[in-house]
Protein backbone atom coordinates (compact mmCIF):
# COMPACT_ATOMS: atom_id res chain seq x y z
CA UNK A 1 109.53 36.62 103.35
CA UNK A 2 106.76 39.16 103.84
CA UNK A 3 103.35 37.94 104.79
CA UNK A 4 100.21 38.59 102.76
CA UNK A 5 99.03 41.41 105.04
CA UNK A 6 102.28 43.36 104.53
CA UNK A 7 102.19 42.71 100.81
CA UNK A 8 98.57 43.85 100.63
CA UNK A 9 99.47 47.05 102.45
CA UNK A 10 102.35 47.66 100.06
CA UNK A 11 100.09 47.08 97.05
CA UNK A 12 97.47 49.44 98.48
CA UNK A 13 100.14 52.09 99.09
CA UNK A 14 101.30 51.78 95.50
CA UNK A 15 97.72 52.12 94.26
CA UNK A 16 97.34 55.29 96.35
CA UNK A 17 100.57 56.72 94.90
CA UNK A 18 99.46 55.82 91.41
CA UNK A 19 96.10 57.54 91.99
CA UNK A 20 97.77 60.68 93.39
CA UNK A 21 100.21 60.71 90.50
CA UNK A 22 97.35 60.51 88.01
CA UNK A 23 95.55 63.39 89.74
CA UNK A 24 98.71 65.51 89.63
CA UNK A 25 99.12 64.78 85.93
CA UNK A 26 95.50 65.81 85.29
CA UNK A 27 95.99 69.02 87.31
CA UNK A 28 99.20 69.82 85.42
CA UNK A 29 97.44 69.26 82.10
CA UNK A 30 94.53 71.50 83.15
CA UNK A 31 96.91 74.25 84.28
CA UNK A 32 98.88 74.02 81.04
CA UNK A 33 95.64 74.41 79.07
CA UNK A 34 94.64 77.44 81.18
CA UNK A 35 98.10 78.94 80.65
CA UNK A 36 97.83 78.50 76.88
CA UNK A 37 94.44 80.25 76.88
CA UNK A 38 95.82 83.09 79.00
CA UNK A 39 98.74 83.49 76.59
CA UNK A 40 96.33 83.71 73.66
CA UNK A 41 94.30 86.38 75.45
CA UNK A 42 97.33 88.41 76.58
CA UNK A 43 99.22 88.06 73.30
CA UNK A 44 98.55 91.58 72.06
CA UNK A 45 98.23 93.43 75.38
CA UNK A 46 101.76 94.89 75.35
CA UNK A 47 101.47 96.05 71.74
CA UNK A 48 98.11 97.66 72.48
CA UNK A 49 99.55 99.56 75.45
CA UNK A 50 102.45 100.78 73.30
CA UNK A 51 100.08 101.99 70.58
CA UNK A 52 97.98 103.80 73.17
CA UNK A 53 101.09 105.43 74.63
CA UNK A 54 102.15 106.52 71.13
CA UNK A 55 98.73 108.05 70.54
CA UNK A 56 98.89 109.89 73.89
CA UNK A 57 102.36 111.18 73.04
CA UNK A 58 101.08 112.69 69.79
CA UNK A 59 98.28 114.39 71.74
CA UNK A 60 100.78 115.76 74.27
CA UNK A 61 102.95 117.00 71.38
CA UNK A 62 100.05 119.15 70.20
CA UNK A 63 98.37 117.05 67.52
CA UNK A 64 94.62 116.86 67.44
CA UNK A 65 92.98 113.57 68.36
CA UNK A 66 92.23 112.91 64.70
CA UNK A 67 95.81 113.67 63.66
CA UNK A 68 97.19 111.56 66.51
CA UNK A 69 95.00 108.64 65.50
CA UNK A 70 96.02 108.93 61.85
CA UNK A 71 99.70 109.11 62.75
CA UNK A 72 99.37 106.08 65.00
CA UNK A 73 97.53 104.24 62.24
CA UNK A 74 100.30 105.09 59.72
CA UNK A 75 103.08 103.99 62.06
CA UNK A 76 101.28 100.74 62.81
CA UNK A 77 100.57 100.05 59.13
CA UNK A 78 104.19 100.71 58.17
CA UNK A 79 105.53 98.52 60.97
CA UNK A 80 103.48 95.55 59.79
CA UNK A 81 104.52 95.81 56.12
CA UNK A 82 107.22 93.50 54.86
CA UNK A 83 110.21 95.30 53.47
CA UNK A 84 111.80 94.86 50.09
CA UNK A 85 114.69 92.95 51.58
């Protein structure tokens, strides 16, 4: 049978592990929240880059800036419309 000193040390060790575990859970939760915020911010980045590339391609093809913008606007508007089917 273990003596009280050994048992006390075991209890203290368990308390330390429990404390560390709680800290890790809090850190994980905080990181998950930060990740969710980052995803919200970055959500449209890829689409914006593609639209910008499309605009630049129209310019390179010889369209004026105004024409390129209007074409990009039309393509974007048509891509967001729901079809008949």
